[in-house]
Amino acid sequence: MLRSWLARLLSAEVRRLTAERDQARATRRDALTAAVRWHRLALIHKARADVLAINHNTEEQ
């Protein structure tokens, strides 16, 4: 009886820990995806700003 109770308890704990691990992985994946997206947008914005600055400088000369 004690063994079966302990086995059920451990099984529940393993399921809980597995669910927590899976949730952490999903959260980390979502955060990484968002960071990559923001980084890509920042690079695009910087490239556009650089082109505008170059064009502005050549128009002044």
PDB file of N, CA and C in Angstrom:
ATOM      1  N   MET A   1       0.822  -1.192   0.000  1.00  0.00           N
ATOM      2  CA  MET A   1       0.000   0.000   0.000  1.00  0.00           C
ATOM      3  C   MET A   1       0.869   1.260   0.000  1.00  0.00           C
ATOM      4  N   LEU A   2       1.864   1.272   0.845  1.00  0.00           N
ATOM      5  CA  LEU A   2       2.747   2.426   0.914  1.00  0.00           C
ATOM      6  C   LEU A   2       3.510   2.594  -0.396  1.00  0.00           C
ATOM      7  N   ARG A   3       3.913   1.465  -0.972  1.00  0.00           N
ATOM      8  CA  ARG A   3       4.631   1.532  -2.247  1.00  0.00           C
ATOM      9  C   ARG A   3       3.756   2.111  -3.350  1.00  0.00           C
ATOM     10  N   SER A   4       2.534   1.682  -3.448  1.00  0.00           N
ATOM     11  CA  SER A   4       1.647   2.185  -4.498  1.00  0.00           C
ATOM     12  C   SER A   4       1.350   3.671  -4.280  1.00  0.00           C
ATOM     13  N   TRP A   5       1.178   4.083  -3.037  1.00  0.00           N
ATOM     14  CA  TRP A   5       0.938   5.499  -2.735  1.00  0.00           C
ATOM     15  C   TRP A   5       2.164   6.332  -3.119  1.00  0.00           C
ATOM     16  N   LEU A   6       3.340   5.816  -2.772  1.00  0.00           N
ATOM     17  CA  LEU A   6       4.585   6.505  -3.107  1.00  0.00           C
ATOM     18  C   LEU A   6       4.786   6.558  -4.624  1.00  0.00           C
ATOM     19  N   ALA A   7       4.470   5.487  -5.305  1.00  0.00           N
ATOM     20  CA  ALA A   7       4.602   5.448  -6.764  1.00  0.00           C
ATOM     21  C   ALA A   7       3.671   6.474  -7.412  1.00  0.00           C
ATOM     22  N   ARG A   8       2.437   6.569  -6.930  1.00  0.00           N
ATOM     23  CA  ARG A   8       1.498   7.560  -7.472  1.00  0.00           C
ATOM     24  C   ARG A   8       1.982   8.980  -7.200  1.00  0.00           C
ATOM     25  N   LEU A   9       2.516   9.191  -6.016  1.00  0.00           N
ATOM     26  CA  LEU A   9       3.025  10.510  -5.654  1.00  0.00           C
ATOM     27  C   LEU A   9       4.201  10.897  -6.549  1.00  0.00           C
ATOM     28  N   LEU A  10       5.122   9.980  -6.736  1.00  0.00           N
ATOM     29  CA  LEU A  10       6.269  10.253  -7.596  1.00  0.00           C
ATOM     30  C   LEU A  10       5.843  10.457  -9.044  1.00  0.00           C
ATOM     31  N   SER A  11       4.881   9.658  -9.490  1.00  0.00           N
ATOM     32  CA  SER A  11       4.389   9.788 -10.850  1.00  0.00           C
ATOM     33  C   SER A  11       3.756  11.168 -11.051  1.00  0.00           C
ATOM     34  N   ALA A  12       2.982  11.617 -10.084  1.00  0.00           N
ATOM     35  CA  ALA A  12       2.367  12.943 -10.171  1.00  0.00           C
ATOM     36  C   ALA A  12       3.435  14.027 -10.167  1.00  0.00           C
ATOM     37  N   GLU A  13       4.451  13.855  -9.352  1.00  0.00           N
ATOM     38  CA  GLU A  13       5.533  14.841  -9.284  1.00  0.00           C
ATOM     39  C   GLU A  13       6.308  14.885 -10.603  1.00  0.00           C
ATOM     40  N   VAL A  14       6.557  13.730 -11.182  1.00  0.00           N
ATOM     41  CA  VAL A  14       7.251  13.675 -12.467  1.00  0.00           C
ATOM     42  C   VAL A  14       6.418  14.367 -13.538  1.00  0.00           C
ATOM     43  N   ARG A  15       5.117  14.135 -13.547  1.00  0.00           N
ATOM     44  CA  ARG A  15       4.241  14.800 -14.519  1.00  0.00           C
ATOM     45  C   ARG A  15       4.255  16.314 -14.321  1.00  0.00           C
ATOM     46  N   ARG A  16       4.233  16.754 -13.069  1.00  0.00           N
ATOM     47  CA  ARG A  16       4.251  18.183 -12.772  1.00  0.00           C
ATOM     48  C   ARG A  16       5.567  18.816 -13.241  1.00  0.00           C
ATOM     49  N   LEU A  17       6.668  18.165 -12.925  1.00  0.00           N
ATOM     50  CA  LEU A  17       7.973  18.690 -13.335  1.00  0.00           C
ATOM     51  C   LEU A  17       8.122  18.696 -14.855  1.00  0.00           C
ATOM     52  N   THR A  18       7.611  17.672 -15.503  1.00  0.00           N
ATOM     53  CA  THR A  18       7.657  17.609 -16.963  1.00  0.00           C
ATOM     54  C   THR A  18       6.835  18.742 -17.572  1.00  0.00           C
ATOM     55  N   ALA A  19       5.666  18.993 -17.004  1.00  0.00           N
ATOM     56  CA  ALA A  19       4.824  20.086 -17.502  1.00  0.00           C
ATOM     57  C   ALA A  19       5.520  21.434 -17.293  1.00  0.00           C
ATOM     58  N   GLU A  20       6.151  21.617 -16.136  1.00  0.00           N
ATOM     59  CA  GLU A  20       6.887  22.863 -15.877  1.00  0.00           C
ATOM     60  C   GLU A  20       8.037  23.030 -16.867  1.00  0.00           C
ATOM     61  N   ARG A  21       8.762  21.948 -17.125  1.00  0.00           N
ATOM     62  CA  ARG A  21       9.875  22.002 -18.077  1.00  0.00           C
ATOM     63  C   ARG A  21       9.373  22.362 -19.465  1.00  0.00           C
ATOM     64  N   ASP A  22       8.293  21.731 -19.894  1.00  0.00           N
ATOM     65  CA  ASP A  22       7.741  22.000 -21.215  1.00  0.00           C
ATOM     66  C   ASP A  22       7.254  23.439 -21.328  1.00  0.00           C
ATOM     67  N   GLN A  23       6.641  23.950 -20.253  1.00  0.00           N
ATOM     68  CA  GLN A  23       6.178  25.333 -20.251  1.00  0.00           C
ATOM     69  C   GLN A  23       7.365  26.294 -20.315  1.00  0.00           C
ATOM     70  N   ALA A  24       8.415  25.997 -19.589  1.00  0.00           N
ATOM     71  CA  ALA A  24       9.612  26.844 -19.615  1.00  0.00           C
ATOM     72  C   ALA A  24      10.239  26.842 -21.007  1.00  0.00           C
ATOM     73  N   ARG A  25      10.277  25.692 -21.636  1.00  0.00           N
ATOM     74  CA  ARG A  25      10.822  25.619 -22.999  1.00  0.00           C
ATOM     75  C   ARG A  25       9.981  26.442 -23.966  1.00  0.00           C
ATOM     76  N   ALA A  26       8.662  26.357 -23.847  1.00  0.00           N
ATOM     77  CA  ALA A  26       7.777  27.118 -24.735  1.00  0.00           C
ATOM     78  C   ALA A  26       7.941  28.617 -24.497  1.00  0.00           C
ATOM     79  N   THR A  27       8.044  29.012 -23.249  1.00  0.00           N
ATOM     80  CA  THR A  27       8.232  30.424 -22.927  1.00  0.00           C
ATOM     81  C   THR A  27       9.560  30.930 -23.470  1.00  0.00           C
ATOM     82  N   ARG A  28      10.606  30.137 -23.294  1.00  0.00           N
ATOM     83  CA  ARG A  28      11.924  30.521 -23.802  1.00  0.00           C
ATOM     84  C   ARG A  28      11.906  30.622 -25.334  1.00  0.00           C
ATOM     85  N   ARG A  29      11.239  29.690 -25.996  1.00  0.00           N
ATOM     86  CA  ARG A  29      11.134  29.721 -27.456  1.00  0.00           C
ATOM     87  C   ARG A  29      10.390  30.976 -27.917  1.00  0.00           C
ATOM     88  N   ASP A  30       9.294  31.312 -27.243  1.00  0.00           N
ATOM     89  CA  ASP A  30       8.532  32.509 -27.607  1.00  0.00           C
ATOM     90  C   ASP A  30       9.355  33.775 -27.388  1.00  0.00           C
ATOM     91  N   ALA A  31      10.094  33.828 -26.283  1.00  0.00           N
ATOM     92  CA  ALA A  31      10.924  34.994 -26.000  1.00  0.00           C
ATOM     93  C   ALA A  31      12.041  35.131 -27.028  1.00  0.00           C
ATOM     94  N   LEU A  32      12.640  34.028 -27.401  1.00  0.00           N
ATOM     95  CA  LEU A  32      13.706  34.059 -28.399  1.00  0.00           C
ATOM     96  C   LEU A  32      13.162  34.499 -29.759  1.00  0.00           C
ATOM     97  N   THR A  33      12.004  34.009 -30.121  1.00  0.00           N
ATOM     98  CA  THR A  33      11.372  34.402 -31.377  1.00  0.00           C
ATOM     99  C   THR A  33      11.102  35.908 -31.392  1.00  0.00           C
ATOM    100  N   ALA A  34      10.584  36.432 -30.287  1.00  0.00           N
ATOM    101  CA  ALA A  34      10.309  37.866 -30.198  1.00  0.00           C
ATOM    102  C   ALA A  34      11.604  38.677 -30.269  1.00  0.00           C
ATOM    103  N   ALA A  35      12.641  38.208 -29.590  1.00  0.00           N
ATOM    104  CA  ALA A  35      13.919  38.924 -29.601  1.00  0.00           C
ATOM    105  C   ALA A  35      14.516  38.953 -31.007  1.00  0.00           C
ATOM    106  N   VAL A  36      14.435  37.838 -31.707  1.00  0.00           N
ATOM    107  CA  VAL A  36      14.963  37.781 -33.077  1.00  0.00           C
ATOM    108  C   VAL A  36      14.168  38.713 -33.982  1.00  0.00           C
ATOM    109  N   ARG A  37      12.859  38.744 -33.804  1.00  0.00           N
ATOM    110  CA  ARG A  37      12.009  39.622 -34.616  1.00  0.00           C
ATOM    111  C   ARG A  37      12.364  41.093 -34.354  1.00  0.00           C
ATOM    112  N   TRP A  38      12.494  41.475 -33.086  1.00  0.00           N
ATOM    113  CA  TRP A  38      12.835  42.859 -32.752  1.00  0.00           C
ATOM    114  C   TRP A  38      14.227  43.216 -33.261  1.00  0.00           C
ATOM    115  N   HIS A  39      15.149  42.296 -33.173  1.00  0.00           N
ATOM    116  CA  HIS A  39      16.499  42.551 -33.664  1.00  0.00           C
ATOM    117  C   HIS A  39      16.487  42.773 -35.173  1.00  0.00           C
ATOM    118  N   ARG A  40      15.736  41.946 -35.873  1.00  0.00           N
ATOM    119  CA  ARG A  40      15.620  42.089 -37.329  1.00  0.00           C
ATOM    120  C   ARG A  40      15.024  43.451 -37.685  1.00  0.00           C
ATOM    121  N   LEU A  41      13.980  43.854 -36.963  1.00  0.00           N
ATOM    122  CA  LEU A  41      13.371  45.158 -37.220  1.00  0.00           C
ATOM    123  C   LEU A  41      14.342  46.302 -36.918  1.00  0.00           C
ATOM    124  N   ALA A  42      15.131  46.151 -35.867  1.00  0.00           N
ATOM    125  CA  ALA A  42      16.112  47.178 -35.530  1.00  0.00           C
ATOM    126  C   ALA A  42      17.171  47.290 -36.621  1.00  0.00           C
ATOM    127  N   LEU A  43      17.595  46.170 -37.170  1.00  0.00           N
ATOM    128  CA  LEU A  43      18.576  46.207 -38.260  1.00  0.00           C
ATOM    129  C   LEU A  43      18.006  46.889 -39.500  1.00  0.00           C
ATOM    130  N   ILE A  44      16.764  46.597 -39.806  1.00  0.00           N
ATOM    131  CA  ILE A  44      16.112  47.227 -40.960  1.00  0.00           C
ATOM    132  C   ILE A  44      16.014  48.732 -40.728  1.00  0.00           C
ATOM    133  N   HIS A  45      15.595  49.118 -39.529  1.00  0.00           N
ATOM    134  CA  HIS A  45      15.464  50.533 -39.198  1.00  0.00           C
ATOM    135  C   HIS A  45      16.819  51.233 -39.293  1.00  0.00           C
ATOM    136  N   LYS A  46      17.857  50.599 -38.790  1.00  0.00           N
ATOM    137  CA  LYS A  46      19.201  51.183 -38.838  1.00  0.00           C
ATOM    138  C   LYS A  46      19.671  51.329 -40.286  1.00  0.00           C
ATOM    139  N   ALA A  47      19.424  50.328 -41.103  1.00  0.00           N
ATOM    140  CA  ALA A  47      19.830  50.398 -42.508  1.00  0.00           C
ATOM    141  C   ALA A  47      19.113  51.543 -43.220  1.00  0.00           C
ATOM    142  N   ARG A  48      17.836  51.706 -42.946  1.00  0.00           N
ATOM    143  CA  ARG A  48      17.087  52.810 -43.562  1.00  0.00           C
ATOM    144  C   ARG A  48      17.631  54.157 -43.084  1.00  0.00           C
ATOM    145  N   ALA A  49      17.911  54.262 -41.801  1.00  0.00           N
ATOM    146  CA  ALA A  49      18.456  55.505 -41.263  1.00  0.00           C
ATOM    147  C   ALA A  49      19.823  55.807 -41.870  1.00  0.00           C
ATOM    148  N   ASP A  50      20.644  54.791 -42.047  1.00  0.00           N
ATOM    149  CA  ASP A  50      21.958  54.988 -42.661  1.00  0.00           C
ATOM    150  C   ASP A  50      21.819  55.488 -44.092  1.00  0.00           C
ATOM    151  N   VAL A  51      20.893  54.920 -44.851  1.00  0.00           N
ATOM    152  CA  VAL A  51      20.678  55.354 -46.236  1.00  0.00           C
ATOM    153  C   VAL A  51      20.188  56.797 -46.263  1.00  0.00           C
ATOM    154  N   LEU A  52      19.260  57.131 -45.368  1.00  0.00           N
ATOM    155  CA  LEU A  52      18.778  58.516 -45.315  1.00  0.00           C
ATOM    156  C   LEU A  52      19.902  59.478 -44.954  1.00  0.00           C
ATOM    157  N   ALA A  53      20.766  59.085 -44.032  1.00  0.00           N
ATOM    158  CA  ALA A  53      21.888  59.941 -43.640  1.00  0.00           C
ATOM    159  C   ALA A  53      22.864  60.124 -44.794  1.00  0.00           C
ATOM    160  N   ILE A  54      23.142  59.073 -45.512  1.00  0.00           N
ATOM    161  CA  ILE A  54      24.047  59.164 -46.665  1.00  0.00           C
ATOM    162  C   ILE A  54      23.440  60.071 -47.729  1.00  0.00           C
ATOM    163  N   ASN A  55      22.165  59.875 -48.018  1.00  0.00           N
ATOM    164  CA  ASN A  55      21.492  60.710 -49.017  1.00  0.00           C
ATOM    165  C   ASN A  55      21.449  62.162 -48.575  1.00  0.00           C
ATOM    166  N   HIS A  56      21.201  62.396 -47.302  1.00  0.00           N
ATOM    167  CA  HIS A  56      21.148  63.761 -46.779  1.00  0.00           C
ATOM    168  C   HIS A  56      22.513  64.439 -46.903  1.00  0.00           C
ATOM    169  N   ASN A  57      23.577  63.700 -46.589  1.00  0.00           N
ATOM    170  CA  ASN A  57      24.929  64.256 -46.682  1.00  0.00           C
ATOM    171  C   ASN A  57      25.323  64.557 -48.126  1.00  0.00           C
ATOM    172  N   THR A  58      24.927  63.710 -49.058  1.00  0.00           N
ATOM    173  CA  THR A  58      25.311  63.940 -50.464  1.00  0.00           C
ATOM    174  C   THR A  58      24.494  65.088 -51.047  1.00  0.00           C
ATOM    175  N   GLU A  59      23.282  65.326 -50.575  1.00  0.00           N
ATOM    176  CA  GLU A  59      22.470  66.441 -51.060  1.00  0.00           C
ATOM    177  C   GLU A  59      23.031  67.764 -50.575  1.00  0.00           C
ATOM    178  N   GLU A  60      23.633  67.790 -49.416  1.00  0.00           N
ATOM    179  CA  GLU A  60      24.200  69.018 -48.865  1.00  0.00           C
ATOM    180  C   GLU A  60      25.463  69.422 -49.586  1.00  0.00           C
ATOM    181  N   GLN A  61      26.207  68.489 -50.124  1.00  0.00           N
ATOM    182  CA  GLN A  61      27.497  68.789 -50.741  1.00  0.00           C
ATOM    183  C   GLN A  61      27.374  69.294 -52.126  1.00  0.00           C
TER     184      GLN A  61
END
